[in-house]
Amino acid sequence: MNATSSHGERPLGMSLGSDELQALYLAGHTLFDQGNFQQAADVFRFTVLMEPLFAEAWQGLGRCHDEVGDAEAAALVYETGFRLGGNEPTLGYLSARALMQNGEKSEARERLEELAELDLEPHLAAGVAALQQILGVAS
């Protein structure tokens, strides 16, 4: 059995429905809430492997890395989720924040510029404005 496909099939030939994906996400969320960050990360990682467009699972995986102090991995996860998930604004904000925390200020500014082009919910717009102010970006 192939581990990958060349014609849009899911890895390992597996396919999960939305109910199964949601159940996996909730299991990861529960593990996260219990402080089992490595196990939660494993569940979220499997979830995004099965459905790369599942933005909330990317967020969960990034938060796991944040919680264990791996800001570099968190930034990579948020960025990957942002790109694969159709530029989902929350992932973009988390990506910019993680980049800033890692000292990657020019990359954070670029992400914020991208986010400024999107129609943001008020709470995200406020977060973006706050990061722009910290980084000295004109809003």
C-alpha atoms as a PDB file:
ATOM      1  CA  MET A   1       0.000   0.000   0.000  1.00  0.00           C
ATOM      2  CA  ASN A   2       1.349   3.451  -0.941  1.00  0.00           C
ATOM      3  CA  ALA A   3       1.763   6.030   1.797  1.00  0.00           C
ATOM      4  CA  THR A   4       0.994   8.853  -0.612  1.00  0.00           C
ATOM      5  CA  SER A   5      -1.041   9.286  -3.722  1.00  0.00           C
ATOM      6  CA  SER A   6      -0.542  11.053  -6.994  1.00  0.00           C
ATOM      7  CA  HIS A   7      -4.182  11.685  -7.862  1.00  0.00           C
ATOM      8  CA  GLY A   8      -5.654  13.604  -4.945  1.00  0.00           C
ATOM      9  CA  GLU A   9      -6.360  10.593  -2.740  1.00  0.00           C
ATOM     10  CA  ARG A  10      -5.803  10.913   0.980  1.00  0.00           C
ATOM     11  CA  PRO A  11      -2.554   9.630   2.517  1.00  0.00           C
ATOM     12  CA  LEU A  12      -2.517   5.926   3.259  1.00  0.00           C
ATOM     13  CA  GLY A  13      -5.631   5.577   1.091  1.00  0.00           C
ATOM     14  CA  MET A  14      -7.752   6.735   4.038  1.00  0.00           C
ATOM     15  CA  SER A  15     -10.675   9.085   3.952  1.00  0.00           C
ATOM     16  CA  LEU A  16     -12.556  10.466   6.912  1.00  0.00           C
ATOM     17  CA  GLY A  17     -15.944  12.122   6.908  1.00  0.00           C
ATOM     18  CA  SER A  18     -16.688  15.416   8.600  1.00  0.00           C
ATOM     19  CA  ASP A  19     -18.100  13.674  11.691  1.00  0.00           C
ATOM     20  CA  GLU A  20     -14.904  11.647  12.151  1.00  0.00           C
ATOM     21  CA  LEU A  21     -12.734  14.715  11.584  1.00  0.00           C
ATOM     22  CA  GLN A  22     -14.749  16.683  14.117  1.00  0.00           C
ATOM     23  CA  ALA A  23     -14.440  13.824  16.614  1.00  0.00           C
ATOM     24  CA  LEU A  24     -10.659  13.791  16.136  1.00  0.00           C
ATOM     25  CA  TYR A  25     -10.500  17.547  16.604  1.00  0.00           C
ATOM     26  CA  LEU A  26     -12.555  17.346  19.796  1.00  0.00           C
ATOM     27  CA  ALA A  27     -10.322  14.538  21.105  1.00  0.00           C
ATOM     28  CA  GLY A  28      -7.267  16.711  20.452  1.00  0.00           C
ATOM     29  CA  HIS A  29      -8.948  19.655  22.137  1.00  0.00           C
ATOM     30  CA  THR A  30      -9.779  17.530  25.188  1.00  0.00           C
ATOM     31  CA  LEU A  31      -6.191  16.276  25.436  1.00  0.00           C
ATOM     32  CA  PHE A  32      -4.952  19.856  25.130  1.00  0.00           C
ATOM     33  CA  ASP A  33      -7.302  21.028  27.893  1.00  0.00           C
ATOM     34  CA  GLN A  34      -5.964  18.212  30.097  1.00  0.00           C
ATOM     35  CA  GLY A  35      -2.389  19.402  29.526  1.00  0.00           C
ATOM     36  CA  ASN A  36      -1.438  16.406  27.372  1.00  0.00           C
ATOM     37  CA  PHE A  37       0.169  18.593  24.713  1.00  0.00           C
ATOM     38  CA  GLN A  38       2.225  15.896  22.954  1.00  0.00           C
ATOM     39  CA  GLN A  39      -0.763  13.564  22.606  1.00  0.00           C
ATOM     40  CA  ALA A  40      -2.956  16.466  21.492  1.00  0.00           C
ATOM     41  CA  ALA A  41      -0.326  17.441  18.913  1.00  0.00           C
ATOM     42  CA  ASP A  42      -0.323  13.876  17.578  1.00  0.00           C
ATOM     43  CA  VAL A  43      -4.107  13.975  17.163  1.00  0.00           C
ATOM     44  CA  PHE A  44      -4.076  17.410  15.519  1.00  0.00           C
ATOM     45  CA  ARG A  45      -1.192  16.355  13.247  1.00  0.00           C
ATOM     46  CA  PHE A  46      -3.147  13.295  12.092  1.00  0.00           C
ATOM     47  CA  THR A  47      -6.232  15.461  11.585  1.00  0.00           C
ATOM     48  CA  VAL A  48      -4.451  17.925   9.281  1.00  0.00           C
ATOM     49  CA  LEU A  49      -2.851  15.017   7.458  1.00  0.00           C
ATOM     50  CA  MET A  50      -6.345  13.721   6.736  1.00  0.00           C
ATOM     51  CA  GLU A  51      -7.814  17.174   6.008  1.00  0.00           C
ATOM     52  CA  PRO A  52      -5.231  19.876   5.276  1.00  0.00           C
ATOM     53  CA  LEU A  53      -7.917  22.577   5.042  1.00  0.00           C
ATOM     54  CA  PHE A  54      -9.081  22.082   8.657  1.00  0.00           C
ATOM     55  CA  ALA A  55      -7.960  25.466  10.040  1.00  0.00           C
ATOM     56  CA  GLU A  56      -8.985  24.753  13.633  1.00  0.00           C
ATOM     57  CA  ALA A  57      -6.811  21.630  13.708  1.00  0.00           C
ATOM     58  CA  TRP A  58      -3.835  23.688  12.460  1.00  0.00           C
ATOM     59  CA  GLN A  59      -4.545  26.163  15.273  1.00  0.00           C
ATOM     60  CA  GLY A  60      -4.658  23.335  17.800  1.00  0.00           C
ATOM     61  CA  LEU A  61      -1.357  21.925  16.567  1.00  0.00           C
ATOM     62  CA  GLY A  62       0.285  25.343  16.730  1.00  0.00           C
ATOM     63  CA  ARG A  63      -1.057  25.946  20.238  1.00  0.00           C
ATOM     64  CA  CYS A  64       0.461  22.630  21.354  1.00  0.00           C
ATOM     65  CA  HIS A  65       3.862  23.809  20.153  1.00  0.00           C
ATOM     66  CA  ASP A  66       3.312  27.167  21.873  1.00  0.00           C
ATOM     67  CA  GLU A  67       2.490  25.435  25.155  1.00  0.00           C
ATOM     68  CA  VAL A  68       5.694  23.394  25.177  1.00  0.00           C
ATOM     69  CA  GLY A  69       7.778  26.461  24.319  1.00  0.00           C
ATOM     70  CA  ASP A  70       8.582  25.561  20.721  1.00  0.00           C
ATOM     71  CA  ALA A  71       7.792  28.942  19.169  1.00  0.00           C
ATOM     72  CA  GLU A  72       9.683  28.139  15.969  1.00  0.00           C
ATOM     73  CA  ALA A  73       7.568  25.040  15.290  1.00  0.00           C
ATOM     74  CA  ALA A  74       4.414  26.963  16.225  1.00  0.00           C
ATOM     75  CA  ALA A  75       5.261  29.672  13.686  1.00  0.00           C
ATOM     76  CA  LEU A  76       5.828  27.046  10.989  1.00  0.00           C
ATOM     77  CA  VAL A  77       2.556  25.288  11.792  1.00  0.00           C
ATOM     78  CA  TYR A  78       0.543  28.514  11.788  1.00  0.00           C
ATOM     79  CA  GLU A  79       2.143  29.595   8.512  1.00  0.00           C
ATOM     80  CA  THR A  80       1.516  26.222   6.868  1.00  0.00           C
ATOM     81  CA  GLY A  81      -2.094  26.236   8.030  1.00  0.00           C
ATOM     82  CA  PHE A  82      -2.529  29.824   6.810  1.00  0.00           C
ATOM     83  CA  ARG A  83      -1.258  28.926   3.341  1.00  0.00           C
ATOM     84  CA  LEU A  84      -3.079  25.603   3.032  1.00  0.00           C
ATOM     85  CA  GLY A  85      -6.272  26.819   4.658  1.00  0.00           C
ATOM     86  CA  GLY A  86      -7.007  29.552   2.164  1.00  0.00           C
ATOM     87  CA  ASN A  87      -5.449  32.377   4.174  1.00  0.00           C
ATOM     88  CA  GLU A  88      -7.716  31.861   7.170  1.00  0.00           C
ATOM     89  CA  PRO A  89      -7.312  35.127   9.144  1.00  0.00           C
ATOM     90  CA  THR A  90      -6.907  33.642  12.626  1.00  0.00           C
ATOM     91  CA  LEU A  91      -4.026  31.476  11.415  1.00  0.00           C
ATOM     92  CA  GLY A  92      -2.505  34.511   9.705  1.00  0.00           C
ATOM     93  CA  TYR A  93      -2.673  36.497  12.936  1.00  0.00           C
ATOM     94  CA  LEU A  94      -1.178  33.622  14.945  1.00  0.00           C
ATOM     95  CA  SER A  95       1.542  33.269  12.309  1.00  0.00           C
ATOM     96  CA  ALA A  96       2.403  36.987  12.517  1.00  0.00           C
ATOM     97  CA  ARG A  97       2.439  36.875  16.316  1.00  0.00           C
ATOM     98  CA  ALA A  98       4.694  33.794  16.372  1.00  0.00           C
ATOM     99  CA  LEU A  99       7.040  35.302  13.791  1.00  0.00           C
ATOM    100  CA  MET A 100       7.294  38.456  15.890  1.00  0.00           C
ATOM    101  CA  GLN A 101       8.000  36.408  19.028  1.00  0.00           C
ATOM    102  CA  ASN A 102      10.754  34.575  17.141  1.00  0.00           C
ATOM    103  CA  GLY A 103      12.354  37.892  16.181  1.00  0.00           C
ATOM    104  CA  GLU A 104      11.388  37.515  12.524  1.00  0.00           C
ATOM    105  CA  LYS A 105      10.023  41.050  12.319  1.00  0.00           C
ATOM    106  CA  SER A 106      10.141  41.559   8.556  1.00  0.00           C
ATOM    107  CA  GLU A 107       8.222  38.316   7.991  1.00  0.00           C
ATOM    108  CA  ALA A 108       5.708  39.347  10.656  1.00  0.00           C
ATOM    109  CA  ARG A 109       5.245  42.707   8.910  1.00  0.00           C
ATOM    110  CA  GLU A 110       4.633  40.929   5.588  1.00  0.00           C
ATOM    111  CA  ARG A 111       1.990  38.707   7.192  1.00  0.00           C
ATOM    112  CA  LEU A 112       0.295  41.736   8.751  1.00  0.00           C
ATOM    113  CA  GLU A 113       0.242  43.474   5.369  1.00  0.00           C
ATOM    114  CA  GLU A 114      -1.476  40.418   3.896  1.00  0.00           C
ATOM    115  CA  LEU A 115      -3.998  40.398   6.726  1.00  0.00           C
ATOM    116  CA  ALA A 116      -4.733  44.097   6.230  1.00  0.00           C
ATOM    117  CA  GLU A 117      -6.064  43.160   2.775  1.00  0.00           C
ATOM    118  CA  LEU A 118      -8.629  40.750   4.257  1.00  0.00           C
ATOM    119  CA  ASP A 119     -12.047  41.463   5.733  1.00  0.00           C
ATOM    120  CA  LEU A 120     -11.290  40.764   9.396  1.00  0.00           C
ATOM    121  CA  GLU A 121     -13.594  40.185  12.333  1.00  0.00           C
ATOM    122  CA  PRO A 122     -13.315  43.078  14.832  1.00  0.00           C
ATOM    123  CA  HIS A 123     -11.305  41.078  17.390  1.00  0.00           C
ATOM    124  CA  LEU A 124      -8.758  40.042  14.742  1.00  0.00           C
ATOM    125  CA  ALA A 125      -8.579  43.563  13.326  1.00  0.00           C
ATOM    126  CA  ALA A 126      -7.774  44.807  16.833  1.00  0.00           C
ATOM    127  CA  GLY A 127      -5.087  42.143  17.252  1.00  0.00           C
ATOM    128  CA  VAL A 128      -3.557  42.990  13.889  1.00  0.00           C
ATOM    129  CA  ALA A 129      -3.559  46.703  14.767  1.00  0.00           C
ATOM    130  CA  ALA A 130      -1.857  45.960  18.093  1.00  0.00           C
ATOM    131  CA  LEU A 131       0.874  43.901  16.404  1.00  0.00           C
ATOM    132  CA  GLN A 132       1.320  46.597  13.771  1.00  0.00           C
ATOM    133  CA  GLN A 133       1.791  49.164  16.518  1.00  0.00           C
ATOM    134  CA  ILE A 134       4.362  46.984  18.286  1.00  0.00           C
ATOM    135  CA  LEU A 135       6.239  46.467  15.024  1.00  0.00           C
ATOM    136  CA  GLY A 136       5.930  50.108  13.955  1.00  0.00           C
ATOM    137  CA  VAL A 137       3.834  49.334  10.870  1.00  0.00           C
ATOM    138  CA  ALA A 138       1.505  52.059   9.607  1.00  0.00           C
ATOM    139  CA  SER A 139      -2.060  50.742   9.644  1.00  0.00           C
END
